[in-house]
Amino acid sequence: MSNRLLYDLALRILGRDRLLAVADLPLRGLAGLRRYLGERSLEAFARLYFRELTDPPAFHQEAYRQLDEIAEASRQNRRGSKIAVFWPRGHSKTTIFSKVLPLAAALQDWSKLTVLLANNQTAAERLLANIREELETNPYLLEDYGNQRGPVWSSQRIELANGSIITAFGRGSGALRGVQRKQRPRLVIADDIEDDQSVRSATETEAARQWWQKAVLGVGDNVGFTTSFVYVGTLLSQDSLATTILNSPDFTVSLRRAIEREPDRIDLWEEWRKTTIDLAGQGKAPASPEVDEFYQRHKEELERGAVLLWPRPDALWHLMRYRLAAGEAAFATEFQNDPTGAGYQPLGPIPILPALPEGNYYRLAAFDPTVSGKTSADYPAFVEVCYYPDRDIAVVDYVLAEKADYRSTIVTVANRVCQHKTPLDALIVEANGAFTAIADALQAELYKLGRTEIVTKLVSSGPKAQRIQKIGLLAGAGKLFVVQPVHRELQREWQSWPVAKNDDVVDAISMIIELLQKQHCLRL
């Protein structure tokens, strides 16, 4: 801990005039400036006593301000707060809320009883062990607060020399009901009390809700309501205790995503992914960004446009490496707090190219029509895809998706076809049911305009979902790309499928893929 940091925090917290008033204080010790500042600001306490928290990002600072309000309310015997914190893994949520916060509350004597809750008793005792270790070995805490080991120093309960108590319980523990003191706990902290297994069980989820409502909330001060509740976790499921708390009107929620905006060059990250997989197959996968040649060579382009919650050096590389290793679903829950919601894309990220690649290609088009122009009807979708046989890749180059009646759409599609100097190599129209007549009408319109394209009527077989899922598989394998700018309807359908209201654009793409694969192209 540098004197410079101590001075900067003192100047910010106290101001120049008040800083002069405490100029006679020693920097450290029981009556030192460091302790004085730490007891007036949780940010100062965290930065001055814990090296890993010295340089806090903006979302940490926001959390510290919220926790300062909880501490001040407790000191003044005012009503407590309920806050829920959903941060990505690796972003210090346990360090701040389950170590720094209870330590500050106990050492500064504004919570005479703090309750820690975890997924099971072992995990709860691990949280308490982390606190005990800090009290026993942290040189800064020992210097400023002395030896705080009190009469009780066990794996489940510790009592500090100043009389403050911290106790730990696992999820569902009936012993929590027995927490009785003259003063109810001022602070209850629940840290990751759900796991993948528990959220898959409706029975366990309902039991957790009942335990939370009756035992956890019941252990607080239900007369003066001075107890503050802090829930720290990850959204692992759309049906869980965490989502119940997320939607609870009496909780203030902080929900964060590790990647707030995806990088612009998803296509380049796709090349990185394939390169990394190839190297892994040879036992040469780079273990760090420093030795990742592809990443170092293209670092500026790979990071362009990305917005990260915690923009540490090479943070995007580490996030993408986890994403590659664990898969999209795990990344969505662990880092994006998005369990199969809008942010989790079953088709994966859209692999974007800045322009159509050079080289020889076949241009194929597909038309997924509608027989209605009503607002509630599907979008008629016309898509053009360029297939490069030498590279065995397909690139979506054009999308038309506008609400219109089928007669107007036929004319619009035919006029688009006429913009090409050479005939399309394939023109597919879905011909299920009433769409056969639309295919015939488009053929007649093209003949009238002097075009030579022959409309191929496609009667799709098999489930639509299975066809569309191939889009994600091909995109993930580096076989399918989309040229910028990405049409808004294609982007909406890609990112929200299969829960999107319409899926005609991605279905039109799947029709072209189906045709190509019948010709033994785009094989995975």
Protein backbone atom coordinates (compact mmCIF):
# COMPACT_ATOMS: atom_id res chain seq x y z
CA MET A 1 0.00 0.00 0.00
CA SER A 2 1.62 3.23 -1.20
CA ASN A 3 1.53 6.55 0.64
CA ARG A 4 0.45 8.10 -2.66
CA LEU A 5 -2.73 6.01 -2.77
CA LEU A 6 -3.42 6.88 0.87
CA TYR A 7 -3.00 10.59 0.16
CA ASP A 8 -5.15 10.51 -3.02
CA LEU A 9 -7.98 8.74 -1.21
CA ALA A 10 -7.75 11.11 1.75
CA LEU A 11 -7.93 14.12 -0.55
CA ARG A 12 -10.96 12.70 -2.37
CA ILE A 13 -12.86 11.52 0.72
CA LEU A 14 -12.05 14.35 3.12
CA GLY A 15 -11.26 17.29 0.89
CA ARG A 16 -8.26 19.54 1.36
CA ASP A 17 -9.57 21.42 4.42
CA ARG A 18 -10.57 18.33 6.38
CA LEU A 19 -7.35 16.60 5.35
CA LEU A 20 -5.40 19.37 7.07
CA ALA A 21 -7.46 18.76 10.21
CA VAL A 22 -6.21 15.17 10.42
CA ALA A 23 -2.66 15.93 9.33
CA ASP A 24 -1.35 15.00 12.77
CA LEU A 25 -2.60 11.42 12.52
CA PRO A 26 -0.02 8.72 11.88
CA LEU A 27 -0.47 6.97 8.53
CA ARG A 28 -0.99 3.53 10.06
CA GLY A 29 -1.94 1.92 13.34
CA LEU A 30 -4.95 1.87 15.65
CA ALA A 31 -5.38 5.64 15.36
CA GLY A 32 -3.91 5.99 11.86
CA LEU A 33 -5.17 7.75 8.75
CA ARG A 34 -5.55 4.47 6.85
CA ARG A 35 -8.04 3.09 9.37
CA TYR A 36 -9.77 6.48 9.62
CA LEU A 37 -10.38 6.53 5.83
CA GLY A 38 -11.36 2.86 5.65
CA GLU A 39 -14.11 3.44 8.18
CA ARG A 40 -15.58 6.26 6.11
CA SER A 41 -15.51 4.62 2.70
CA LEU A 42 -15.80 0.97 1.73
CA GLU A 43 -13.86 1.74 -1.44
CA ALA A 44 -11.01 3.08 0.68
CA PHE A 45 -11.19 0.02 2.96
CA ALA A 46 -11.00 -2.33 -0.05
CA ARG A 47 -8.20 -0.49 -1.84
CA LEU A 48 -6.09 0.15 1.26
CA TYR A 49 -6.26 -3.35 2.76
CA PHE A 50 -6.51 -5.64 -0.30
CA ARG A 51 -3.88 -5.45 -3.04
CA GLU A 52 -6.08 -7.13 -5.70
CA LEU A 53 -8.63 -4.30 -5.39
CA THR A 54 -6.24 -1.38 -5.64
CA ASP A 55 -7.44 -0.16 -9.05
CA PRO A 56 -11.24 -0.53 -9.14
CA PRO A 57 -13.26 -0.35 -12.37
CA ALA A 58 -16.35 1.85 -12.55
CA PHE A 59 -18.81 -0.91 -11.61
CA HIS A 60 -16.83 -1.65 -8.43
CA GLN A 61 -16.96 2.00 -7.45
CA GLU A 62 -20.70 2.03 -7.98
CA ALA A 63 -21.05 -1.00 -5.69
CA TYR A 64 -18.91 0.63 -2.99
CA ARG A 65 -21.16 3.68 -2.95
CA GLN A 66 -24.20 1.43 -2.50
CA LEU A 67 -22.52 -0.44 0.35
CA ASP A 68 -21.54 2.83 2.02
CA GLU A 69 -25.25 3.65 2.20
CA ILE A 70 -25.94 0.29 3.87
CA ALA A 71 -23.17 0.88 6.41
CA GLU A 72 -24.36 4.40 7.21
CA ALA A 73 -27.96 3.24 7.61
CA SER A 74 -26.84 0.55 10.05
CA ARG A 75 -24.75 3.01 12.10
CA GLN A 76 -27.79 5.28 12.39
CA ASN A 77 -30.16 2.39 13.14
CA ARG A 78 -32.17 3.12 10.02
CA ARG A 79 -33.96 0.76 7.65
CA GLY A 80 -31.73 -1.70 5.81
CA SER A 81 -31.56 -2.43 2.08
CA LYS A 82 -32.00 -5.44 -0.17
CA ILE A 83 -29.59 -5.68 -3.08
CA ALA A 84 -28.94 -8.40 -5.64
CA VAL A 85 -25.64 -8.57 -7.50
CA PHE A 86 -25.32 -10.58 -10.70
CA TRP A 87 -21.79 -10.11 -12.01
CA PRO A 88 -19.74 -12.33 -14.32
CA ARG A 89 -17.37 -14.87 -12.83
CA GLY A 90 -13.86 -13.52 -12.26
CA HIS A 91 -15.09 -9.97 -11.59
CA SER A 92 -14.46 -9.98 -7.80
CA LYS A 93 -18.04 -10.24 -6.62
CA THR A 94 -17.20 -12.80 -3.90
CA THR A 95 -14.10 -10.87 -2.86
CA ILE A 96 -16.04 -7.62 -2.42
CA PHE A 97 -19.37 -8.84 -1.05
CA SER A 98 -18.38 -11.99 0.88
CA LYS A 99 -14.98 -10.98 2.21
CA VAL A 100 -14.40 -7.23 2.20
CA LEU A 101 -17.98 -6.31 3.17
CA PRO A 102 -18.38 -8.66 6.19
CA LEU A 103 -14.86 -7.82 7.37
CA ALA A 104 -15.59 -4.10 7.27
CA ALA A 105 -18.96 -4.61 8.99
CA ALA A 106 -17.42 -6.64 11.82
CA LEU A 107 -14.20 -4.66 12.32
CA GLN A 108 -15.98 -1.30 12.15
CA ASP A 109 -18.67 -2.59 14.51
CA TRP A 110 -21.71 -1.63 12.43
CA SER A 111 -22.93 -5.23 12.20
CA LYS A 112 -22.62 -7.07 15.51
CA LEU A 113 -23.93 -10.21 13.77
CA THR A 114 -23.30 -11.03 10.11
CA VAL A 115 -24.71 -14.17 8.49
CA LEU A 116 -22.98 -15.78 5.48
CA LEU A 117 -24.94 -18.19 3.27
CA ALA A 118 -23.62 -20.46 0.52
CA ASN A 119 -24.68 -23.39 -1.64
CA ASN A 120 -23.76 -25.94 1.04
CA GLN A 121 -22.12 -26.00 4.44
CA THR A 122 -18.66 -26.70 3.00
CA ALA A 123 -18.88 -23.68 0.70
CA ALA A 124 -20.18 -21.50 3.56
CA GLU A 125 -17.29 -22.54 5.78
CA ARG A 126 -14.89 -21.76 2.94
CA LEU A 127 -16.20 -18.19 2.86
CA LEU A 128 -15.68 -17.90 6.60
CA ALA A 129 -12.21 -19.45 6.31
CA ASN A 130 -11.25 -16.70 3.83
CA ILE A 131 -12.28 -14.09 6.40
CA ARG A 132 -10.44 -15.84 9.24
CA GLU A 133 -7.29 -15.99 7.11
CA GLU A 134 -7.41 -12.24 6.46
CA LEU A 135 -7.84 -11.52 10.16
CA GLU A 136 -4.93 -13.81 11.00
CA THR A 137 -2.45 -12.92 8.23
CA ASN A 138 -3.30 -9.64 6.50
CA PRO A 139 -0.47 -7.36 7.68
CA TYR A 140 -2.45 -4.15 7.08
CA LEU A 141 -5.45 -5.32 9.09
CA LEU A 142 -3.21 -6.58 11.90
CA GLU A 143 -1.34 -3.30 11.97
CA ASP A 144 -4.49 -1.16 12.19
CA TYR A 145 -6.91 -3.41 14.12
CA GLY A 146 -4.59 -5.67 16.09
CA ASN A 147 -5.26 -9.31 16.90
CA GLN A 148 -9.02 -9.74 16.60
CA ARG A 149 -9.22 -13.42 17.49
CA GLY A 150 -12.00 -13.73 20.03
CA PRO A 151 -13.35 -16.50 22.30
CA VAL A 152 -15.02 -18.38 19.40
CA TRP A 153 -12.91 -19.16 16.33
CA SER A 154 -14.43 -22.17 14.57
CA SER A 155 -15.19 -23.22 11.00
CA GLN A 156 -18.82 -22.13 11.35
CA ARG A 157 -18.67 -19.13 13.67
CA ILE A 158 -16.12 -16.55 14.73
CA GLU A 159 -16.36 -13.89 17.42
CA LEU A 160 -13.97 -10.98 17.13
CA ALA A 161 -12.26 -9.29 20.04
CA ASN A 162 -14.64 -6.35 19.62
CA GLY A 163 -17.63 -8.68 20.09
CA SER A 164 -18.77 -8.81 16.46
CA ILE A 165 -19.83 -12.25 15.21
CA ILE A 166 -19.78 -13.77 11.72
CA THR A 167 -21.48 -17.12 11.19
CA ALA A 168 -21.89 -19.38 8.14
CA PHE A 169 -24.67 -21.69 6.91
CA GLY A 170 -25.31 -23.80 3.81
CA ARG A 171 -28.44 -23.54 1.68
CA GLY A 172 -31.46 -25.11 3.32
CA SER A 173 -29.88 -25.24 6.78
CA GLY A 174 -32.49 -25.49 9.49
CA ALA A 175 -29.90 -24.23 11.99
CA LEU A 176 -30.35 -20.75 10.52
CA ARG A 177 -33.65 -20.50 12.38
CA GLY A 178 -31.72 -20.82 15.64
CA VAL A 179 -29.71 -17.63 15.12
CA GLN A 180 -30.90 -15.64 18.12
CA ARG A 181 -29.34 -12.62 19.75
CA LYS A 182 -30.59 -9.58 21.57
CA GLN A 183 -29.97 -7.83 18.27
CA ARG A 184 -30.88 -9.48 14.99
CA PRO A 185 -28.22 -9.60 12.24
CA ARG A 186 -27.62 -6.31 10.52
CA LEU A 187 -26.15 -8.04 7.49
CA VAL A 188 -27.13 -11.26 5.67
CA ILE A 189 -25.02 -12.20 2.64
CA ALA A 190 -25.98 -15.04 0.28
CA ASP A 191 -23.21 -16.00 -2.16
CA ASP A 192 -23.88 -18.44 -5.03
CA ILE A 193 -26.44 -20.45 -3.11
CA GLU A 194 -27.58 -22.18 -6.32
CA ASP A 195 -25.66 -24.45 -8.70
CA ASP A 196 -26.27 -26.13 -12.06
CA GLN A 197 -27.77 -29.20 -10.44
CA SER A 198 -30.16 -27.41 -8.10
CA VAL A 199 -31.63 -25.16 -10.81
CA ARG A 200 -32.41 -28.22 -12.97
CA SER A 201 -34.64 -29.59 -10.23
CA ALA A 202 -38.04 -27.95 -9.82
CA THR A 203 -38.27 -29.52 -6.38
CA GLU A 204 -34.93 -28.08 -5.22
CA THR A 205 -35.76 -24.69 -6.71
CA GLU A 206 -39.08 -24.51 -4.88
CA ALA A 207 -37.41 -25.67 -1.65
CA ALA A 208 -34.80 -22.93 -2.03
CA ARG A 209 -37.53 -20.33 -2.52
CA GLN A 210 -39.39 -21.49 0.58
CA TRP A 211 -36.18 -21.54 2.65
CA TRP A 212 -35.28 -18.06 1.46
CA GLN A 213 -38.69 -16.62 2.18
CA LYS A 214 -39.24 -18.24 5.55
CA ALA A 215 -35.81 -18.86 7.08
CA VAL A 216 -33.49 -16.28 5.47
CA LEU A 217 -35.77 -13.26 5.36
CA GLY A 218 -37.22 -14.38 8.69
CA VAL A 219 -33.85 -14.22 10.45
CA GLY A 220 -33.64 -10.46 9.95
CA ASP A 221 -35.09 -7.66 12.00
CA ASN A 222 -38.77 -7.76 11.08
CA VAL A 223 -39.74 -5.03 13.51
CA GLY A 224 -37.40 -2.16 12.72
CA PHE A 225 -36.28 -3.70 9.41
CA THR A 226 -32.66 -2.71 10.08
CA THR A 227 -31.24 -5.87 8.47
CA SER A 228 -29.69 -5.54 5.00
CA PHE A 229 -29.77 -8.52 2.63
CA VAL A 230 -27.18 -8.97 -0.11
CA TYR A 231 -27.72 -11.68 -2.73
CA VAL A 232 -24.67 -12.44 -4.89
CA GLY A 233 -24.96 -14.92 -7.71
CA THR A 234 -25.27 -15.90 -11.35
CA LEU A 235 -28.42 -16.37 -13.41
CA LEU A 236 -28.13 -20.08 -14.18
CA SER A 237 -31.74 -20.68 -15.20
CA GLN A 238 -34.88 -18.82 -16.12
CA ASP A 239 -36.65 -20.65 -13.31
CA SER A 240 -34.57 -20.30 -10.15
CA LEU A 241 -34.35 -18.50 -6.84
CA ALA A 242 -32.03 -16.01 -8.52
CA THR A 243 -34.64 -15.06 -11.13
CA THR A 244 -37.26 -14.76 -8.40
CA ILE A 245 -35.01 -12.27 -6.59
CA LEU A 246 -34.14 -10.54 -9.88
CA ASN A 247 -37.84 -9.82 -10.41
CA SER A 248 -38.58 -8.97 -6.78
CA PRO A 249 -39.68 -5.32 -6.48
CA ASP A 250 -37.98 -4.84 -3.09
CA PHE A 251 -34.48 -5.75 -4.37
CA THR A 252 -32.19 -3.26 -6.07
CA VAL A 253 -30.45 -5.23 -8.82
CA SER A 254 -27.02 -4.87 -10.41
CA LEU A 255 -26.88 -7.19 -13.45
CA ARG A 256 -23.71 -7.02 -15.55
CA ARG A 257 -22.32 -8.73 -18.64
CA ALA A 258 -18.62 -9.31 -19.20
CA ILE A 259 -18.90 -8.33 -22.88
CA GLU A 260 -21.22 -5.36 -23.13
CA ARG A 261 -20.65 -5.00 -26.87
CA GLU A 262 -19.26 -7.70 -29.14
CA PRO A 263 -16.12 -6.84 -31.17
CA ASP A 264 -16.66 -5.70 -34.76
CA ARG A 265 -14.52 -8.38 -36.38
CA ILE A 266 -16.38 -11.56 -35.46
CA ASP A 267 -15.07 -12.99 -38.74
CA LEU A 268 -11.49 -12.49 -37.56
CA TRP A 269 -12.30 -14.08 -34.19
CA GLU A 270 -13.67 -17.02 -36.17
CA GLU A 271 -10.29 -17.38 -37.86
CA TRP A 272 -8.65 -17.21 -34.43
CA ARG A 273 -10.99 -19.92 -33.21
CA LYS A 274 -10.11 -22.26 -36.08
CA THR A 275 -6.41 -21.54 -35.68
CA THR A 276 -6.59 -22.26 -31.95
CA ILE A 277 -8.46 -25.51 -32.53
CA ASP A 278 -5.89 -26.61 -35.12
CA LEU A 279 -3.04 -25.84 -32.72
CA ALA A 280 -4.83 -27.68 -29.92
CA GLY A 281 -5.00 -30.75 -32.13
CA GLN A 282 -1.21 -30.59 -32.42
CA GLY A 283 -0.78 -30.03 -28.69
CA LYS A 284 0.40 -26.45 -29.32
CA ALA A 285 -2.56 -24.35 -28.22
CA PRO A 286 -1.30 -21.02 -26.76
CA ALA A 287 -1.68 -20.95 -22.98
CA SER A 288 -1.59 -17.16 -22.72
CA PRO A 289 -2.22 -14.14 -24.93
CA GLU A 290 1.51 -13.32 -24.91
CA VAL A 291 2.35 -16.48 -26.87
CA ASP A 292 -0.72 -16.43 -29.13
CA GLU A 293 0.82 -15.41 -32.45
CA PHE A 294 -2.49 -14.92 -34.28
CA TYR A 295 -3.87 -12.76 -31.47
CA GLN A 296 -0.74 -10.64 -31.22
CA ARG A 297 -0.60 -10.16 -34.99
CA HIS A 298 -4.24 -9.03 -35.24
CA LYS A 299 -4.79 -7.66 -31.73
CA GLU A 300 -5.92 -4.18 -32.72
CA GLU A 301 -8.48 -5.47 -35.22
CA LEU A 302 -9.69 -8.24 -32.89
CA GLU A 303 -10.39 -5.79 -30.05
CA ARG A 304 -11.93 -3.06 -32.21
CA GLY A 305 -15.45 -2.14 -31.19
CA ALA A 306 -15.56 -4.40 -28.13
CA VAL A 307 -16.84 -2.91 -24.87
CA LEU A 308 -15.94 -4.87 -21.74
CA LEU A 309 -17.31 -4.48 -18.24
CA TRP A 310 -13.78 -4.71 -16.84
CA PRO A 311 -11.32 -3.66 -19.56
CA ARG A 312 -8.18 -5.26 -18.14
CA PRO A 313 -5.20 -6.00 -20.44
CA ASP A 314 -6.01 -8.89 -22.80
CA ALA A 315 -9.35 -9.44 -21.02
CA LEU A 316 -11.12 -10.08 -24.32
CA TRP A 317 -8.66 -12.89 -25.19
CA HIS A 318 -9.34 -14.63 -21.88
CA LEU A 319 -13.11 -14.29 -22.34
CA MET A 320 -12.98 -15.65 -25.88
CA ARG A 321 -10.73 -18.50 -24.79
CA TYR A 322 -13.27 -19.55 -22.13
CA ARG A 323 -16.05 -19.16 -24.69
CA LEU A 324 -14.23 -21.49 -27.07
CA ALA A 325 -13.42 -24.08 -24.40
CA ALA A 326 -16.74 -24.14 -22.54
CA GLY A 327 -19.18 -23.32 -25.32
CA GLU A 328 -21.79 -20.62 -25.88
CA ALA A 329 -24.29 -21.87 -23.31
CA ALA A 330 -21.77 -21.89 -20.44
CA PHE A 331 -20.37 -18.53 -21.51
CA ALA A 332 -23.89 -17.05 -21.65
CA THR A 333 -24.64 -18.01 -18.05
CA GLU A 334 -21.23 -17.61 -16.39
CA PHE A 335 -20.16 -14.37 -18.06
CA GLN A 336 -23.25 -12.80 -19.61
CA ASN A 337 -25.82 -13.67 -16.90
CA ASP A 338 -28.13 -14.79 -19.69
CA PRO A 339 -29.61 -18.30 -19.32
CA THR A 340 -31.08 -18.99 -22.79
CA GLY A 341 -32.43 -15.46 -22.94
CA ALA A 342 -32.16 -12.91 -25.73
CA GLY A 343 -28.43 -12.50 -25.31
CA TYR A 344 -27.73 -16.22 -25.66
CA GLN A 345 -27.83 -17.11 -29.35
CA PRO A 346 -28.31 -20.79 -30.24
CA LEU A 347 -27.01 -19.91 -33.70
CA GLY A 348 -23.94 -18.26 -32.16
CA PRO A 349 -22.57 -14.82 -33.05
CA ILE A 350 -23.08 -13.59 -36.60
CA PRO A 351 -19.78 -14.08 -38.52
CA ILE A 352 -19.47 -10.76 -40.36
CA LEU A 353 -17.26 -9.92 -43.35
CA PRO A 354 -16.59 -6.27 -44.26
CA ALA A 355 -17.08 -6.97 -47.98
CA LEU A 356 -17.75 -9.78 -50.42
CA PRO A 357 -14.50 -11.78 -50.81
CA GLU A 358 -12.67 -11.84 -54.12
CA GLY A 359 -12.68 -14.99 -56.18
CA ASN A 360 -15.06 -17.05 -58.28
CA TYR A 361 -18.45 -17.84 -56.84
CA TYR A 362 -21.96 -19.02 -57.68
CA ARG A 363 -24.83 -16.70 -56.77
CA LEU A 364 -27.87 -18.51 -55.42
CA ALA A 365 -31.14 -16.94 -54.26
CA ALA A 366 -34.08 -18.15 -52.21
CA PHE A 367 -37.54 -16.68 -51.80
CA ASP A 368 -39.65 -17.57 -48.74
CA PRO A 369 -42.97 -15.87 -49.61
CA THR A 370 -46.11 -14.99 -47.72
CA VAL A 371 -49.67 -14.85 -49.00
CA SER A 372 -50.57 -11.84 -46.84
CA GLY A 373 -49.37 -8.31 -46.44
CA LYS A 374 -50.94 -7.76 -43.04
CA THR A 375 -48.88 -6.36 -40.18
CA SER A 376 -49.26 -9.61 -38.28
CA ALA A 377 -48.09 -11.76 -41.20
CA ASP A 378 -44.65 -13.23 -41.72
CA TYR A 379 -42.00 -11.25 -43.59
CA PRO A 380 -41.63 -12.32 -47.23
CA ALA A 381 -37.90 -13.00 -47.38
CA PHE A 382 -35.61 -12.94 -50.42
CA VAL A 383 -31.96 -13.82 -49.82
CA GLU A 384 -28.90 -14.06 -52.07
CA VAL A 385 -25.91 -16.19 -51.09
CA CYS A 386 -22.56 -16.43 -52.86
CA TYR A 387 -20.93 -19.86 -52.77
CA TYR A 388 -17.14 -20.11 -53.30
CA PRO A 389 -16.37 -23.67 -54.46
CA ASP A 390 -12.60 -23.32 -54.08
CA ARG A 391 -12.95 -22.44 -50.39
CA ASP A 392 -16.26 -24.26 -49.74
CA ILE A 393 -17.77 -21.25 -47.98
CA ALA A 394 -21.06 -19.40 -48.39
CA VAL A 395 -21.59 -15.66 -47.89
CA VAL A 396 -24.97 -13.98 -47.41
CA ASP A 397 -24.75 -10.92 -49.68
CA TYR A 398 -28.28 -9.55 -49.94
CA VAL A 399 -31.50 -9.64 -47.89
CA LEU A 400 -34.96 -8.30 -48.71
CA ALA A 401 -37.49 -8.51 -45.88
CA GLU A 402 -40.24 -5.91 -45.99
CA LYS A 403 -43.95 -6.18 -45.21
CA ALA A 404 -45.91 -6.24 -48.48
CA ASP A 405 -48.60 -8.22 -50.24
CA TYR A 406 -47.35 -11.11 -52.33
CA ARG A 407 -48.05 -9.43 -55.72
CA SER A 408 -45.90 -6.40 -54.82
CA THR A 409 -43.18 -8.66 -53.43
CA ILE A 410 -43.05 -10.72 -56.65
CA VAL A 411 -42.46 -7.55 -58.66
CA THR A 412 -39.80 -6.34 -56.19
CA VAL A 413 -37.97 -9.69 -56.28
CA ALA A 414 -38.09 -9.86 -60.07
CA ASN A 415 -36.69 -6.33 -60.35
CA ARG A 416 -33.88 -7.26 -57.97
CA VAL A 417 -33.01 -10.28 -60.13
CA CYS A 418 -32.88 -8.00 -63.16
CA GLN A 419 -30.12 -5.93 -61.54
CA HIS A 420 -27.67 -8.79 -62.16
CA LYS A 421 -26.03 -8.76 -65.57
CA THR A 422 -25.70 -12.52 -65.61
CA PRO A 423 -28.41 -14.99 -64.58
CA LEU A 424 -28.53 -16.33 -61.06
CA ASP A 425 -27.06 -19.81 -60.73
CA ALA A 426 -30.09 -20.93 -58.75
CA LEU A 427 -33.40 -19.39 -57.73
CA ILE A 428 -35.36 -21.35 -55.12
CA VAL A 429 -38.91 -20.69 -54.01
CA GLU A 430 -40.58 -22.54 -51.17
CA ALA A 431 -43.49 -24.35 -52.75
CA ASN A 432 -45.31 -25.83 -49.80
CA GLY A 433 -49.12 -25.47 -50.05
CA ALA A 434 -50.33 -22.19 -51.52
CA PHE A 435 -46.77 -21.07 -52.25
CA THR A 436 -46.74 -23.16 -55.48
CA ALA A 437 -48.85 -20.49 -57.17
CA ILE A 438 -46.44 -17.78 -55.99
CA ALA A 439 -43.50 -19.69 -57.50
CA ASP A 440 -45.37 -19.86 -60.82
CA ALA A 441 -46.22 -16.15 -60.64
CA LEU A 442 -42.57 -15.22 -60.08
CA GLN A 443 -41.51 -17.39 -63.01
CA ALA A 444 -44.05 -15.63 -65.23
CA GLU A 445 -42.85 -12.21 -64.09
CA LEU A 446 -39.23 -13.12 -64.87
CA TYR A 447 -40.18 -14.35 -68.36
CA LYS A 448 -42.04 -11.09 -68.95
CA LEU A 449 -38.87 -9.17 -68.06
CA GLY A 450 -36.74 -11.28 -70.38
CA ARG A 451 -34.84 -13.22 -67.72
CA THR A 452 -33.72 -16.81 -68.20
CA GLU A 453 -33.66 -18.00 -64.57
CA ILE A 454 -35.66 -21.16 -63.91
CA VAL A 455 -37.44 -21.12 -60.57
CA THR A 456 -36.76 -24.27 -58.54
CA LYS A 457 -39.72 -25.22 -56.41
CA LEU A 458 -38.49 -26.55 -53.09
CA VAL A 459 -40.69 -28.66 -50.88
CA SER A 460 -38.73 -28.80 -47.65
CA SER A 461 -38.64 -32.04 -45.75
CA GLY A 462 -37.85 -32.54 -42.09
CA PRO A 463 -38.34 -30.14 -39.16
CA LYS A 464 -37.69 -26.47 -39.88
CA ALA A 465 -35.74 -26.10 -36.62
CA GLN A 466 -33.29 -28.77 -37.73
CA ARG A 467 -32.74 -26.98 -41.05
CA ILE A 468 -32.17 -23.60 -39.43
CA GLN A 469 -29.85 -25.05 -36.79
CA LYS A 470 -27.42 -25.89 -39.60
CA ILE A 471 -26.87 -22.16 -40.04
CA GLY A 472 -25.28 -21.96 -36.58
CA LEU A 473 -23.21 -25.10 -37.15
CA LEU A 474 -21.85 -23.79 -40.47
CA ALA A 475 -21.20 -20.33 -39.02
CA GLY A 476 -19.34 -21.86 -36.08
CA ALA A 477 -17.27 -24.01 -38.45
CA GLY A 478 -16.22 -20.99 -40.53
CA LYS A 479 -18.29 -22.03 -43.56
CA LEU A 480 -21.00 -19.34 -43.52
CA PHE A 481 -20.61 -15.55 -43.28
CA VAL A 482 -22.70 -12.38 -43.67
CA VAL A 483 -21.52 -9.25 -45.49
CA GLN A 484 -21.86 -5.88 -43.81
CA PRO A 485 -24.12 -4.08 -43.30
CA VAL A 486 -26.23 -6.82 -41.75
CA HIS A 487 -29.93 -6.42 -42.54
CA ARG A 488 -31.85 -5.56 -39.38
CA GLU A 489 -34.36 -8.40 -39.84
CA LEU A 490 -31.61 -10.98 -40.42
CA GLN A 491 -29.85 -9.76 -37.29
CA ARG A 492 -33.06 -9.90 -35.23
CA GLU A 493 -33.99 -13.40 -36.39
CA TRP A 494 -30.45 -14.77 -36.03
CA GLN A 495 -29.98 -13.45 -32.53
CA SER A 496 -33.43 -14.37 -31.19
CA TRP A 497 -34.12 -17.68 -32.94
CA PRO A 498 -35.93 -19.92 -32.03
CA VAL A 499 -38.12 -17.55 -29.98
CA ALA A 500 -38.39 -14.88 -32.70
CA LYS A 501 -41.87 -14.11 -33.96
CA ASN A 502 -40.67 -14.52 -37.57
CA ASP A 503 -37.91 -16.69 -39.01
CA ASP A 504 -38.37 -16.30 -42.77
CA VAL A 505 -34.94 -14.79 -43.49
CA VAL A 506 -32.99 -17.52 -41.70
CA ASP A 507 -35.34 -20.08 -43.27
CA ALA A 508 -34.54 -18.73 -46.74
CA ILE A 509 -30.83 -19.08 -45.96
CA SER A 510 -31.46 -22.65 -44.81
CA MET A 511 -33.14 -23.40 -48.16
CA ILE A 512 -29.95 -22.44 -50.00
CA ILE A 513 -27.88 -24.50 -47.58
CA GLU A 514 -30.18 -27.47 -48.18
CA LEU A 515 -29.67 -27.16 -51.95
CA LEU A 516 -25.88 -26.86 -51.64
CA GLN A 517 -25.64 -29.83 -49.31
CA LYS A 518 -27.61 -31.94 -51.76
CA GLN A 519 -24.74 -31.14 -54.15
CA HIS A 520 -22.23 -32.30 -51.51
CA CYS A 521 -21.11 -28.75 -50.70
CA LEU A 522 -20.71 -27.09 -47.29
CA ARG A 523 -20.02 -30.38 -45.59
CA LEU A 524 -19.15 -30.14 -41.91
